[in-house]
C-alpha cells in the first residue's frame, strides 16, 4: 500500500492538474464528446414544435430533503433549455413528478423558461402533473399518456427500475422516441434494452452545458473526462508500485 505521504502528494498533484485543466479547457472551443441522448433532445424539441404535439419530461420520484435533492435539481436544470425552446410551440411540454415535494420545482422551471423565451409577453399554461411514485403506478400513467396526449417523445429521468419497461414498450409500439436517465442499475438495464437513448452517471448533470452554447459549463464534461482518466492512471500506478514492492 502507498504510505500517507505519497497519497497526499498524489492528491495534491491531482487537484493541481484539475485546476489547470479546467482553466485551459474553458478557454478552448474544442467540441465535447458526443452523447447521443443529449443530441436527441433538440430533435425532439423541433419535432414537437413542427407537429404541435407535446414532449413528455419526467422527473421521476426524486424527493427534496434527502440524498435525492441534488438529482431533482439536476433534472430540472436538464429540462430547462428544452422547456425554453418549447415556449414557441402551441403544445406546451408535459412535466411529470413522482413526489409532491418537487411540484414547485417543476413549475418554477417552466416559469423561468417561459420568462427567458421570445414569447415571455404571452400568457402560457404550465402542464405539470403529479403521479405518485408507487411501483407501477407512475409507469402505467406514462403508458396511458402515450395514447391520450399523442406524445412526440418521452424523456424519463428518475429512480425508475424494471417498471420502466411498461412505458418504453408502449413507446416502441407507437414509434415514439425515448430517452432514459435512470439512477437505479435495473432501470439503466431496461433503458439500454428498450429506450432509444440512455443517460448514465454524470451525463444528466452535463445536459445544460450541451443544450446552451453560451453556458459557462459547456466544456465541463471535458474536465470530467480528464479527471476520470487521471484517476484510472493513478489506480494503475498504485497497483503497479504495490506489485513491484512485493516482487
C-alpha atoms as a PDB file:
ATOM      1  CA  UNK A   1       0.000   0.000   0.000  1.00  0.00           C
ATOM      2  CA  UNK A   2       1.087   3.561  -0.598  1.00  0.00           C
ATOM      3  CA  UNK A   3       2.088   5.461   2.501  1.00  0.00           C
ATOM      4  CA  UNK A   4       0.139   8.504   3.651  1.00  0.00           C
ATOM      5  CA  UNK A   5       2.752  10.984   2.414  1.00  0.00           C
ATOM      6  CA  UNK A   6       2.637   9.552  -1.101  1.00  0.00           C
ATOM      7  CA  UNK A   7      -1.140   9.588  -1.106  1.00  0.00           C
ATOM      8  CA  UNK A   8      -1.213  13.215  -0.001  1.00  0.00           C
ATOM      9  CA  UNK A   9       1.275  14.162  -2.701  1.00  0.00           C
ATOM     10  CA  UNK A  10      -0.755  12.367  -5.376  1.00  0.00           C
ATOM     11  CA  UNK A  11      -3.954  14.045  -4.164  1.00  0.00           C
ATOM     12  CA  UNK A  12      -2.387  17.495  -4.318  1.00  0.00           C
ATOM     13  CA  UNK A  13      -0.968  16.744  -7.767  1.00  0.00           C
ATOM     14  CA  UNK A  14      -4.369  15.609  -8.995  1.00  0.00           C
ATOM     15  CA  UNK A  15      -6.057  18.760  -7.674  1.00  0.00           C
ATOM     16  CA  UNK A  16      -3.468  20.949  -9.386  1.00  0.00           C
ATOM     17  CA  UNK A  17      -3.954  19.118 -12.667  1.00  0.00           C
ATOM     18  CA  UNK A  18      -7.725  19.523 -12.387  1.00  0.00           C
ATOM     19  CA  UNK A  19      -7.407  23.268 -11.753  1.00  0.00           C
ATOM     20  CA  UNK A  20      -5.054  23.733 -14.703  1.00  0.00           C
ATOM     21  CA  UNK A  21      -7.176  21.546 -16.987  1.00  0.00           C
ATOM     22  CA  UNK A  22     -10.303  23.434 -16.002  1.00  0.00           C
ATOM     23  CA  UNK A  23      -8.668  26.780 -16.801  1.00  0.00           C
ATOM     24  CA  UNK A  24      -7.266  25.586 -20.132  1.00  0.00           C
ATOM     25  CA  UNK A  25     -10.365  23.754 -21.362  1.00  0.00           C
ATOM     26  CA  UNK A  26     -12.661  26.684 -20.633  1.00  0.00           C
ATOM     27  CA  UNK A  27     -10.532  28.827 -22.960  1.00  0.00           C
ATOM     28  CA  UNK A  28     -10.823  26.395 -25.863  1.00  0.00           C
ATOM     29  CA  UNK A  29     -13.588  25.831 -28.381  1.00  0.00           C
ATOM     30  CA  UNK A  30     -12.974  22.106 -28.648  1.00  0.00           C
ATOM     31  CA  UNK A  31     -16.148  20.102 -29.133  1.00  0.00           C
ATOM     32  CA  UNK A  32     -17.340  17.965 -26.239  1.00  0.00           C
ATOM     33  CA  UNK A  33     -17.554  14.226 -26.540  1.00  0.00           C
ATOM     34  CA  UNK A  34     -20.790  13.162 -28.248  1.00  0.00           C
ATOM     35  CA  UNK A  35     -23.658  11.905 -26.092  1.00  0.00           C
ATOM     36  CA  UNK A  36     -26.443  10.549 -28.278  1.00  0.00           C
ATOM     37  CA  UNK A  37     -29.170  11.096 -25.664  1.00  0.00           C
ATOM     38  CA  UNK A  38     -28.372  14.808 -25.371  1.00  0.00           C
ATOM     39  CA  UNK A  39     -28.040  15.193 -29.138  1.00  0.00           C
ATOM     40  CA  UNK A  40     -31.563  13.734 -29.458  1.00  0.00           C
ATOM     41  CA  UNK A  41     -33.162  16.395 -27.224  1.00  0.00           C
ATOM     42  CA  UNK A  42     -33.029  19.289 -29.755  1.00  0.00           C
ATOM     43  CA  UNK A  43     -34.503  16.977 -32.386  1.00  0.00           C
ATOM     44  CA  UNK A  44     -37.394  16.081 -30.085  1.00  0.00           C
ATOM     45  CA  UNK A  45     -37.982  19.762 -29.341  1.00  0.00           C
ATOM     46  CA  UNK A  46     -38.013  20.660 -33.038  1.00  0.00           C
ATOM     47  CA  UNK A  47     -40.353  17.787 -33.795  1.00  0.00           C
ATOM     48  CA  UNK A  48     -42.700  18.904 -31.027  1.00  0.00           C
ATOM     49  CA  UNK A  49     -42.855  22.429 -32.441  1.00  0.00           C
ATOM     50  CA  UNK A  50     -43.369  21.220 -36.008  1.00  0.00           C
ATOM     51  CA  UNK A  51     -46.064  18.647 -35.227  1.00  0.00           C
ATOM     52  CA  UNK A  52     -47.779  20.587 -32.423  1.00  0.00           C
ATOM     53  CA  UNK A  53     -47.544  17.536 -30.166  1.00  0.00           C
ATOM     54  CA  UNK A  54     -46.265  17.710 -26.550  1.00  0.00           C
ATOM     55  CA  UNK A  55     -42.952  16.374 -25.309  1.00  0.00           C
ATOM     56  CA  UNK A  56     -43.149  14.488 -22.014  1.00  0.00           C
ATOM     57  CA  UNK A  57     -40.350  15.157 -19.500  1.00  0.00           C
ATOM     58  CA  UNK A  58     -40.490  13.128 -16.277  1.00  0.00           C
ATOM     59  CA  UNK A  59     -38.602  13.950 -13.080  1.00  0.00           C
ATOM     60  CA  UNK A  60     -39.424  10.553 -11.586  1.00  0.00           C
ATOM     61  CA  UNK A  61     -39.745  10.074  -7.845  1.00  0.00           C
ATOM     62  CA  UNK A  62     -36.935  12.361  -6.745  1.00  0.00           C
ATOM     63  CA  UNK A  63     -37.645  13.881  -3.312  1.00  0.00           C
ATOM     64  CA  UNK A  64     -36.462  17.048  -1.637  1.00  0.00           C
ATOM     65  CA  UNK A  65     -34.768  16.968   1.727  1.00  0.00           C
ATOM     66  CA  UNK A  66     -32.847  13.727   1.302  1.00  0.00           C
ATOM     67  CA  UNK A  67     -29.965  12.383  -0.786  1.00  0.00           C
ATOM     68  CA  UNK A  68     -32.013  12.843  -3.981  1.00  0.00           C
ATOM     69  CA  UNK A  69     -32.351  16.632  -3.652  1.00  0.00           C
ATOM     70  CA  UNK A  70     -29.374  17.243  -5.923  1.00  0.00           C
ATOM     71  CA  UNK A  71     -30.789  14.853  -8.529  1.00  0.00           C
ATOM     72  CA  UNK A  72     -34.139  16.664  -8.503  1.00  0.00           C
ATOM     73  CA  UNK A  73     -32.422  19.996  -9.112  1.00  0.00           C
ATOM     74  CA  UNK A  74     -30.228  18.448 -11.817  1.00  0.00           C
ATOM     75  CA  UNK A  75     -33.286  17.063 -13.615  1.00  0.00           C
ATOM     76  CA  UNK A  76     -34.969  20.489 -13.531  1.00  0.00           C
ATOM     77  CA  UNK A  77     -31.841  22.126 -14.971  1.00  0.00           C
ATOM     78  CA  UNK A  78     -31.592  19.421 -17.623  1.00  0.00           C
ATOM     79  CA  UNK A  79     -35.157  20.150 -18.781  1.00  0.00           C
ATOM     80  CA  UNK A  80     -34.888  23.948 -18.628  1.00  0.00           C
ATOM     81  CA  UNK A  81     -33.405  24.618 -22.081  1.00  0.00           C
ATOM     82  CA  UNK A  82     -35.836  22.233 -23.781  1.00  0.00           C
ATOM     83  CA  UNK A  83     -38.752  23.917 -21.985  1.00  0.00           C
ATOM     84  CA  UNK A  84     -37.476  27.363 -23.028  1.00  0.00           C
ATOM     85  CA  UNK A  85     -37.387  26.370 -26.688  1.00  0.00           C
ATOM     86  CA  UNK A  86     -40.787  24.695 -26.437  1.00  0.00           C
ATOM     87  CA  UNK A  87     -42.279  28.024 -25.384  1.00  0.00           C
ATOM     88  CA  UNK A  88     -42.534  28.690 -29.130  1.00  0.00           C
ATOM     89  CA  UNK A  89     -44.880  25.729 -29.554  1.00  0.00           C
ATOM     90  CA  UNK A  90     -48.642  25.708 -29.210  1.00  0.00           C
ATOM     91  CA  UNK A  91     -48.295  22.382 -27.393  1.00  0.00           C
ATOM     92  CA  UNK A  92     -46.569  23.049 -24.042  1.00  0.00           C
ATOM     93  CA  UNK A  93     -44.372  20.281 -22.657  1.00  0.00           C
ATOM     94  CA  UNK A  94     -45.825  17.902 -20.111  1.00  0.00           C
ATOM     95  CA  UNK A  95     -43.667  17.700 -16.984  1.00  0.00           C
ATOM     96  CA  UNK A  96     -44.468  14.937 -14.508  1.00  0.00           C
ATOM     97  CA  UNK A  97     -43.182  14.422 -10.980  1.00  0.00           C
ATOM     98  CA  UNK A  98     -43.482  11.465  -8.656  1.00  0.00           C
ATOM     99  CA  UNK A  99     -43.244  13.407  -5.411  1.00  0.00           C
ATOM    100  CA  UNK A 100     -45.363  16.348  -4.293  1.00  0.00           C
ATOM    101  CA  UNK A 101     -42.227  17.998  -2.912  1.00  0.00           C
ATOM    102  CA  UNK A 102     -40.912  18.573  -6.454  1.00  0.00           C
ATOM    103  CA  UNK A 103     -44.118  20.070  -7.868  1.00  0.00           C
ATOM    104  CA  UNK A 104     -42.990  23.625  -7.181  1.00  0.00           C
ATOM    105  CA  UNK A 105     -39.530  22.968  -8.640  1.00  0.00           C
ATOM    106  CA  UNK A 106     -41.135  21.813 -11.896  1.00  0.00           C
ATOM    107  CA  UNK A 107     -43.449  24.832 -12.017  1.00  0.00           C
ATOM    108  CA  UNK A 108     -40.611  27.248 -11.261  1.00  0.00           C
ATOM    109  CA  UNK A 109     -38.505  25.665 -14.008  1.00  0.00           C
ATOM    110  CA  UNK A 110     -41.284  26.127 -16.567  1.00  0.00           C
ATOM    111  CA  UNK A 111     -41.995  29.680 -15.393  1.00  0.00           C
ATOM    112  CA  UNK A 112     -38.313  30.608 -15.633  1.00  0.00           C
ATOM    113  CA  UNK A 113     -38.064  29.021 -19.077  1.00  0.00           C
ATOM    114  CA  UNK A 114     -41.071  30.990 -20.323  1.00  0.00           C
ATOM    115  CA  UNK A 115     -39.772  34.297 -18.962  1.00  0.00           C
ATOM    116  CA  UNK A 116     -36.493  33.889 -20.844  1.00  0.00           C
ATOM    117  CA  UNK A 117     -38.178  32.880 -24.126  1.00  0.00           C
ATOM    118  CA  UNK A 118     -39.243  35.127 -27.049  1.00  0.00           C
ATOM    119  CA  UNK A 119     -42.895  34.576 -26.016  1.00  0.00           C
ATOM    120  CA  UNK A 120     -42.428  35.945 -22.493  1.00  0.00           C
ATOM    121  CA  UNK A 121     -45.116  38.598 -23.033  1.00  0.00           C
ATOM    122  CA  UNK A 122     -47.758  35.965 -23.796  1.00  0.00           C
ATOM    123  CA  UNK A 123     -49.665  34.002 -21.177  1.00  0.00           C
ATOM    124  CA  UNK A 124     -48.781  30.312 -21.316  1.00  0.00           C
ATOM    125  CA  UNK A 125     -50.231  27.311 -19.458  1.00  0.00           C
ATOM    126  CA  UNK A 126     -47.977  25.112 -17.337  1.00  0.00           C
ATOM    127  CA  UNK A 127     -48.724  21.432 -17.759  1.00  0.00           C
ATOM    128  CA  UNK A 128     -47.286  19.879 -14.596  1.00  0.00           C
ATOM    129  CA  UNK A 129     -48.701  16.601 -13.326  1.00  0.00           C
ATOM    130  CA  UNK A 130     -48.153  14.581 -10.173  1.00  0.00           C
ATOM    131  CA  UNK A 131     -48.323  10.797 -10.349  1.00  0.00           C
ATOM    132  CA  UNK A 132     -47.450   9.108  -7.016  1.00  0.00           C
ATOM    133  CA  UNK A 133     -44.307   7.045  -7.424  1.00  0.00           C
ATOM    134  CA  UNK A 134     -45.648   3.770  -6.026  1.00  0.00           C
ATOM    135  CA  UNK A 135     -44.290   0.883  -8.032  1.00  0.00           C
ATOM    136  CA  UNK A 136     -46.054   0.560 -11.372  1.00  0.00           C
ATOM    137  CA  UNK A 137     -48.465   3.475 -10.788  1.00  0.00           C
ATOM    138  CA  UNK A 138     -46.313   6.074 -12.500  1.00  0.00           C
ATOM    139  CA  UNK A 139     -45.206   3.707 -15.264  1.00  0.00           C
ATOM    140  CA  UNK A 140     -48.850   2.876 -16.027  1.00  0.00           C
ATOM    141  CA  UNK A 141     -49.718   6.573 -16.190  1.00  0.00           C
ATOM    142  CA  UNK A 142     -46.909   7.174 -18.672  1.00  0.00           C
ATOM    143  CA  UNK A 143     -48.259   4.392 -20.869  1.00  0.00           C
ATOM    144  CA  UNK A 144     -51.729   5.969 -20.872  1.00  0.00           C
ATOM    145  CA  UNK A 145     -50.247   9.382 -21.689  1.00  0.00           C
ATOM    146  CA  UNK A 146     -48.609   7.880 -24.765  1.00  0.00           C
ATOM    147  CA  UNK A 147     -52.046   7.376 -26.307  1.00  0.00           C
ATOM    148  CA  UNK A 148     -54.169  10.105 -24.707  1.00  0.00           C
ATOM    149  CA  UNK A 149     -51.748  13.014 -25.227  1.00  0.00           C
ATOM    150  CA  UNK A 150     -50.245  11.855 -28.546  1.00  0.00           C
ATOM    151  CA  UNK A 151     -46.725  12.441 -27.262  1.00  0.00           C
ATOM    152  CA  UNK A 152     -43.924  13.341 -29.640  1.00  0.00           C
ATOM    153  CA  UNK A 153     -41.343  11.802 -27.299  1.00  0.00           C
ATOM    154  CA  UNK A 154     -40.602  10.884 -23.705  1.00  0.00           C
ATOM    155  CA  UNK A 155     -37.605  11.868 -21.561  1.00  0.00           C
ATOM    156  CA  UNK A 156     -37.748   9.758 -18.398  1.00  0.00           C
ATOM    157  CA  UNK A 157     -35.428  10.792 -15.576  1.00  0.00           C
ATOM    158  CA  UNK A 158     -35.741   9.400 -12.068  1.00  0.00           C
ATOM    159  CA  UNK A 159     -35.169   6.364  -9.905  1.00  0.00           C
ATOM    160  CA  UNK A 160     -37.191   4.007 -12.083  1.00  0.00           C
ATOM    161  CA  UNK A 161     -36.495   0.283 -12.134  1.00  0.00           C
ATOM    162  CA  UNK A 162     -37.922  -2.657 -14.090  1.00  0.00           C
ATOM    163  CA  UNK A 163     -41.320  -0.913 -14.316  1.00  0.00           C
ATOM    164  CA  UNK A 164     -39.810   1.395 -16.962  1.00  0.00           C
ATOM    165  CA  UNK A 165     -40.312  -1.476 -19.393  1.00  0.00           C
ATOM    166  CA  UNK A 166     -44.051  -0.705 -19.459  1.00  0.00           C
ATOM    167  CA  UNK A 167     -43.943   2.858 -20.901  1.00  0.00           C
ATOM    168  CA  UNK A 168     -40.907   2.065 -23.041  1.00  0.00           C
ATOM    169  CA  UNK A 169     -42.684  -0.878 -24.612  1.00  0.00           C
ATOM    170  CA  UNK A 170     -45.715   1.311 -25.314  1.00  0.00           C
ATOM    171  CA  UNK A 171     -43.496   3.972 -26.857  1.00  0.00           C
ATOM    172  CA  UNK A 172     -41.900   1.326 -29.061  1.00  0.00           C
ATOM    173  CA  UNK A 173     -45.329   0.252 -30.329  1.00  0.00           C
ATOM    174  CA  UNK A 174     -46.147   3.862 -31.236  1.00  0.00           C
ATOM    175  CA  UNK A 175     -42.686   4.596 -32.697  1.00  0.00           C
ATOM    176  CA  UNK A 176     -42.188   7.318 -30.082  1.00  0.00           C
ATOM    177  CA  UNK A 177     -38.548   8.276 -29.359  1.00  0.00           C
ATOM    178  CA  UNK A 178     -37.469   7.805 -25.739  1.00  0.00           C
ATOM    179  CA  UNK A 179     -34.596   8.970 -23.544  1.00  0.00           C
ATOM    180  CA  UNK A 180     -33.970   7.359 -20.152  1.00  0.00           C
ATOM    181  CA  UNK A 181     -31.876   8.779 -17.290  1.00  0.00           C
ATOM    182  CA  UNK A 182     -32.456   6.242 -14.514  1.00  0.00           C
ATOM    183  CA  UNK A 183     -30.401   6.230 -11.314  1.00  0.00           C
ATOM    184  CA  UNK A 184     -31.011   2.551 -10.462  1.00  0.00           C
ATOM    185  CA  UNK A 185     -28.924  -0.109 -12.242  1.00  0.00           C
ATOM    186  CA  UNK A 186     -32.099  -2.080 -13.022  1.00  0.00           C
ATOM    187  CA  UNK A 187     -33.645   0.982 -14.671  1.00  0.00           C
ATOM    188  CA  UNK A 188     -30.480   1.606 -16.664  1.00  0.00           C
ATOM    189  CA  UNK A 189     -30.508  -2.004 -17.858  1.00  0.00           C
ATOM    190  CA  UNK A 190     -34.120  -1.701 -19.015  1.00  0.00           C
ATOM    191  CA  UNK A 191     -33.271   1.593 -20.703  1.00  0.00           C
ATOM    192  CA  UNK A 192     -30.388   0.048 -22.628  1.00  0.00           C
ATOM    193  CA  UNK A 193     -32.665  -2.732 -23.812  1.00  0.00           C
ATOM    194  CA  UNK A 194     -35.763  -0.739 -24.774  1.00  0.00           C
ATOM    195  CA  UNK A 195     -35.032   3.005 -24.940  1.00  0.00           C
ATOM    196  CA  UNK A 196     -33.584   4.825 -27.931  1.00  0.00           C
ATOM    197  CA  UNK A 197     -31.050   6.731 -25.818  1.00  0.00           C
ATOM    198  CA  UNK A 198     -29.731   6.458 -22.253  1.00  0.00           C
ATOM    199  CA  UNK A 199     -28.009   8.942 -19.931  1.00  0.00           C
ATOM    200  CA  UNK A 200     -25.603   7.342 -17.464  1.00  0.00           C
ATOM    201  CA  UNK A 201     -23.871   8.726 -14.384  1.00  0.00           C
ATOM    202  CA  UNK A 202     -22.885  12.376 -14.511  1.00  0.00           C
ATOM    203  CA  UNK A 203     -24.334  12.839 -18.014  1.00  0.00           C
ATOM    204  CA  UNK A 204     -27.595  14.139 -16.516  1.00  0.00           C
ATOM    205  CA  UNK A 205     -25.611  16.990 -14.946  1.00  0.00           C
ATOM    206  CA  UNK A 206     -23.954  17.714 -18.314  1.00  0.00           C
ATOM    207  CA  UNK A 207     -27.185  18.412 -20.209  1.00  0.00           C
ATOM    208  CA  UNK A 208     -27.313  22.205 -19.532  1.00  0.00           C
ATOM    209  CA  UNK A 209     -23.780  22.666 -20.883  1.00  0.00           C
ATOM    210  CA  UNK A 210     -24.627  20.803 -24.085  1.00  0.00           C
ATOM    211  CA  UNK A 211     -28.001  22.425 -24.747  1.00  0.00           C
ATOM    212  CA  UNK A 212     -26.922  26.043 -24.187  1.00  0.00           C
ATOM    213  CA  UNK A 213     -23.993  27.082 -26.368  1.00  0.00           C
ATOM    214  CA  UNK A 214     -23.473  30.193 -24.243  1.00  0.00           C
ATOM    215  CA  UNK A 215     -23.334  28.306 -20.960  1.00  0.00           C
ATOM    216  CA  UNK A 216     -20.083  28.650 -18.960  1.00  0.00           C
ATOM    217  CA  UNK A 217     -20.421  24.928 -18.196  1.00  0.00           C
ATOM    218  CA  UNK A 218     -20.177  23.948 -21.857  1.00  0.00           C
ATOM    219  CA  UNK A 219     -16.695  22.461 -21.524  1.00  0.00           C
ATOM    220  CA  UNK A 220     -17.290  20.858 -18.141  1.00  0.00           C
ATOM    221  CA  UNK A 221     -17.521  17.294 -19.407  1.00  0.00           C
ATOM    222  CA  UNK A 222     -14.056  17.568 -20.920  1.00  0.00           C
ATOM    223  CA  UNK A 223     -12.698  18.296 -17.457  1.00  0.00           C
ATOM    224  CA  UNK A 224     -14.686  15.356 -16.044  1.00  0.00           C
ATOM    225  CA  UNK A 225     -13.181  13.083 -18.706  1.00  0.00           C
ATOM    226  CA  UNK A 226      -9.688  14.294 -17.867  1.00  0.00           C
ATOM    227  CA  UNK A 227     -10.239  13.674 -14.148  1.00  0.00           C
ATOM    228  CA  UNK A 228     -11.644  10.208 -14.839  1.00  0.00           C
ATOM    229  CA  UNK A 229      -8.602   9.306 -16.953  1.00  0.00           C
ATOM    230  CA  UNK A 230      -6.230  10.612 -14.301  1.00  0.00           C
ATOM    231  CA  UNK A 231      -7.935   8.577 -11.584  1.00  0.00           C
ATOM    232  CA  UNK A 232      -7.615   5.429 -13.672  1.00  0.00           C
ATOM    233  CA  UNK A 233      -3.936   6.133 -14.303  1.00  0.00           C
ATOM    234  CA  UNK A 234      -3.331   6.744 -10.594  1.00  0.00           C
ATOM    235  CA  UNK A 235      -5.030   3.468  -9.693  1.00  0.00           C
ATOM    236  CA  UNK A 236      -2.911   1.604 -12.237  1.00  0.00           C
ATOM    237  CA  UNK A 237       0.239   3.327 -10.978  1.00  0.00           C
ATOM    238  CA  UNK A 238      -0.563   2.453  -7.353  1.00  0.00           C
ATOM    239  CA  UNK A 239      -1.280  -1.162  -8.248  1.00  0.00           C
ATOM    240  CA  UNK A 240       1.970  -1.386 -10.239  1.00  0.00           C
ATOM    241  CA  UNK A 241       4.018   0.028  -7.334  1.00  0.00           C
ATOM    242  CA  UNK A 242       2.496  -2.487  -4.925  1.00  0.00           C
ATOM    243  CA  UNK A 243       3.268  -5.373  -7.284  1.00  0.00           C
ATOM    244  CA  UNK A 244       6.864  -4.247  -7.723  1.00  0.00           C
ATOM    245  CA  UNK A 245       7.372  -3.888  -3.974  1.00  0.00           C
ATOM    246  CA  UNK A 246       6.008  -7.346  -3.265  1.00  0.00           C
ATOM    247  CA  UNK A 247       8.114  -8.846  -6.055  1.00  0.00           C
END
